[in-house]
Amino acid sequence: MTGASHEGENTSSVTSCEAASNPAASHSPPLISYIVLAEFDIDMGSTVRNQYPSPVPWVSADWLAEHMIPEGAHLREMVSAVR
């Protein structure tokens, strides 16, 4: 009888673990809403090549392309601008 209740406990804990790992059961918002692929084209300049799952509705593709992080930005210790 102890073994039967122990098996039932294992089954319920597995079920609760599965529910906890199921994204559909979660009530938290997604971490990422959109993915944007932007690049610098030598002929066209800054360009958005692709947006997933759809274009970002509140921002133009041109704005996104102009505000992408430049290549090598992670190597700079300080950002400076000339005014």
C-alpha atoms as a PDB file:
ATOM      1  CA  MET A   1       0.000   0.000   0.000  1.00  0.00           C
ATOM      2  CA  THR A   2       2.873   2.367   0.738  1.00  0.00           C
ATOM      3  CA  GLY A   3       4.351   1.574  -2.668  1.00  0.00           C
ATOM      4  CA  ALA A   4       1.044   2.399  -4.407  1.00  0.00           C
ATOM      5  CA  SER A   5       0.763   5.826  -2.779  1.00  0.00           C
ATOM      6  CA  HIS A   6       4.453   6.469  -3.524  1.00  0.00           C
ATOM      7  CA  GLU A   7       3.847   5.735  -7.221  1.00  0.00           C
ATOM      8  CA  GLY A   8       0.875   8.117  -7.209  1.00  0.00           C
ATOM      9  CA  GLU A   9       3.056  10.834  -5.673  1.00  0.00           C
ATOM     10  CA  ASN A  10       5.688  10.361  -8.366  1.00  0.00           C
ATOM     11  CA  THR A  11       3.064  10.599 -11.100  1.00  0.00           C
ATOM     12  CA  SER A  12       1.641  13.856  -9.712  1.00  0.00           C
ATOM     13  CA  SER A  13       5.106  15.406  -9.310  1.00  0.00           C
ATOM     14  CA  VAL A  14       6.001  14.508 -12.901  1.00  0.00           C
ATOM     15  CA  THR A  15       2.740  16.044 -14.089  1.00  0.00           C
ATOM     16  CA  SER A  16       3.393  19.265 -12.161  1.00  0.00           C
ATOM     17  CA  CYS A  17       6.962  19.397 -13.558  1.00  0.00           C
ATOM     18  CA  GLU A  18       5.648  18.982 -17.089  1.00  0.00           C
ATOM     19  CA  ALA A  19       3.098  21.754 -16.521  1.00  0.00           C
ATOM     20  CA  ALA A  20       5.824  24.045 -15.144  1.00  0.00           C
ATOM     21  CA  SER A  21       8.048  23.502 -18.182  1.00  0.00           C
ATOM     22  CA  ASN A  22       5.206  23.956 -20.692  1.00  0.00           C
ATOM     23  CA  PRO A  23       5.402  27.495 -22.155  1.00  0.00           C
ATOM     24  CA  ALA A  24       1.690  27.486 -22.951  1.00  0.00           C
ATOM     25  CA  ALA A  25       0.901  27.002 -19.267  1.00  0.00           C
ATOM     26  CA  SER A  26       3.083  29.950 -18.262  1.00  0.00           C
ATOM     27  CA  HIS A  27       1.501  33.359 -17.663  1.00  0.00           C
ATOM     28  CA  SER A  28       4.693  35.391 -18.107  1.00  0.00           C
ATOM     29  CA  PRO A  29       5.173  37.538 -21.235  1.00  0.00           C
ATOM     30  CA  PRO A  30       7.573  36.330 -23.947  1.00  0.00           C
ATOM     31  CA  LEU A  31      11.205  37.400 -23.628  1.00  0.00           C
ATOM     32  CA  ILE A  32      11.467  38.253 -27.343  1.00  0.00           C
ATOM     33  CA  SER A  33       8.661  39.678 -29.464  1.00  0.00           C
ATOM     34  CA  TYR A  34      10.487  40.306 -32.748  1.00  0.00           C
ATOM     35  CA  ILE A  35      13.760  39.353 -34.418  1.00  0.00           C
ATOM     36  CA  VAL A  36      15.262  41.864 -36.853  1.00  0.00           C
ATOM     37  CA  LEU A  37      18.110  41.088 -39.245  1.00  0.00           C
ATOM     38  CA  ALA A  38      19.843  44.319 -40.314  1.00  0.00           C
ATOM     39  CA  GLU A  39      23.067  44.728 -42.232  1.00  0.00           C
ATOM     40  CA  PHE A  40      25.155  47.345 -43.957  1.00  0.00           C
ATOM     41  CA  ASP A  41      24.955  46.972 -47.713  1.00  0.00           C
ATOM     42  CA  ILE A  42      27.832  48.666 -49.555  1.00  0.00           C
ATOM     43  CA  ASP A  43      25.445  49.965 -52.267  1.00  0.00           C
ATOM     44  CA  MET A  44      22.286  50.657 -50.236  1.00  0.00           C
ATOM     45  CA  GLY A  45      23.654  51.546 -46.766  1.00  0.00           C
ATOM     46  CA  SER A  46      21.977  50.332 -43.570  1.00  0.00           C
ATOM     47  CA  THR A  47      19.249  47.868 -44.533  1.00  0.00           C
ATOM     48  CA  VAL A  48      16.764  45.613 -42.741  1.00  0.00           C
ATOM     49  CA  ARG A  49      16.867  42.250 -44.516  1.00  0.00           C
ATOM     50  CA  ASN A  50      14.252  40.346 -42.517  1.00  0.00           C
ATOM     51  CA  GLN A  51      11.841  40.663 -39.578  1.00  0.00           C
ATOM     52  CA  TYR A  52      10.256  37.722 -37.758  1.00  0.00           C
ATOM     53  CA  PRO A  53       7.422  36.836 -37.118  1.00  0.00           C
ATOM     54  CA  SER A  54       6.258  40.059 -38.820  1.00  0.00           C
ATOM     55  CA  PRO A  55       7.504  43.633 -39.245  1.00  0.00           C
ATOM     56  CA  VAL A  56       7.670  45.584 -35.984  1.00  0.00           C
ATOM     57  CA  PRO A  57       4.416  47.601 -36.192  1.00  0.00           C
ATOM     58  CA  TRP A  58       5.428  50.770 -34.318  1.00  0.00           C
ATOM     59  CA  VAL A  59       8.881  51.336 -35.892  1.00  0.00           C
ATOM     60  CA  SER A  60       9.898  51.850 -39.521  1.00  0.00           C
ATOM     61  CA  ALA A  61      12.445  49.516 -41.078  1.00  0.00           C
ATOM     62  CA  ASP A  62      14.629  52.519 -41.961  1.00  0.00           C
ATOM     63  CA  TRP A  63      14.744  53.605 -38.302  1.00  0.00           C
ATOM     64  CA  LEU A  64      15.693  50.088 -37.188  1.00  0.00           C
ATOM     65  CA  ALA A  65      18.453  49.895 -39.808  1.00  0.00           C
ATOM     66  CA  GLU A  66      19.912  53.251 -38.786  1.00  0.00           C
ATOM     67  CA  HIS A  67      19.967  52.251 -35.087  1.00  0.00           C
ATOM     68  CA  MET A  68      21.586  48.830 -35.416  1.00  0.00           C
ATOM     69  CA  ILE A  69      24.763  48.200 -33.413  1.00  0.00           C
ATOM     70  CA  PRO A  70      27.806  48.769 -35.644  1.00  0.00           C
ATOM     71  CA  GLU A  71      30.331  45.999 -36.238  1.00  0.00           C
ATOM     72  CA  GLY A  72      33.062  46.110 -33.604  1.00  0.00           C
ATOM     73  CA  ALA A  73      31.052  48.195 -31.113  1.00  0.00           C
ATOM     74  CA  HIS A  74      31.788  45.617 -28.409  1.00  0.00           C
ATOM     75  CA  LEU A  75      35.523  46.341 -28.782  1.00  0.00           C
ATOM     76  CA  ARG A  76      35.235  50.046 -27.893  1.00  0.00           C
ATOM     77  CA  GLU A  77      35.813  51.109 -24.302  1.00  0.00           C
ATOM     78  CA  MET A  78      34.144  54.511 -24.724  1.00  0.00           C
ATOM     79  CA  VAL A  79      31.806  56.116 -27.204  1.00  0.00           C
ATOM     80  CA  SER A  80      32.610  59.670 -28.254  1.00  0.00           C
ATOM     81  CA  ALA A  81      30.867  62.025 -30.642  1.00  0.00           C
ATOM     82  CA  VAL A  82      32.013  65.202 -32.342  1.00  0.00           C
ATOM     83  CA  ARG A  83      29.601  68.106 -31.955  1.00  0.00           C
END
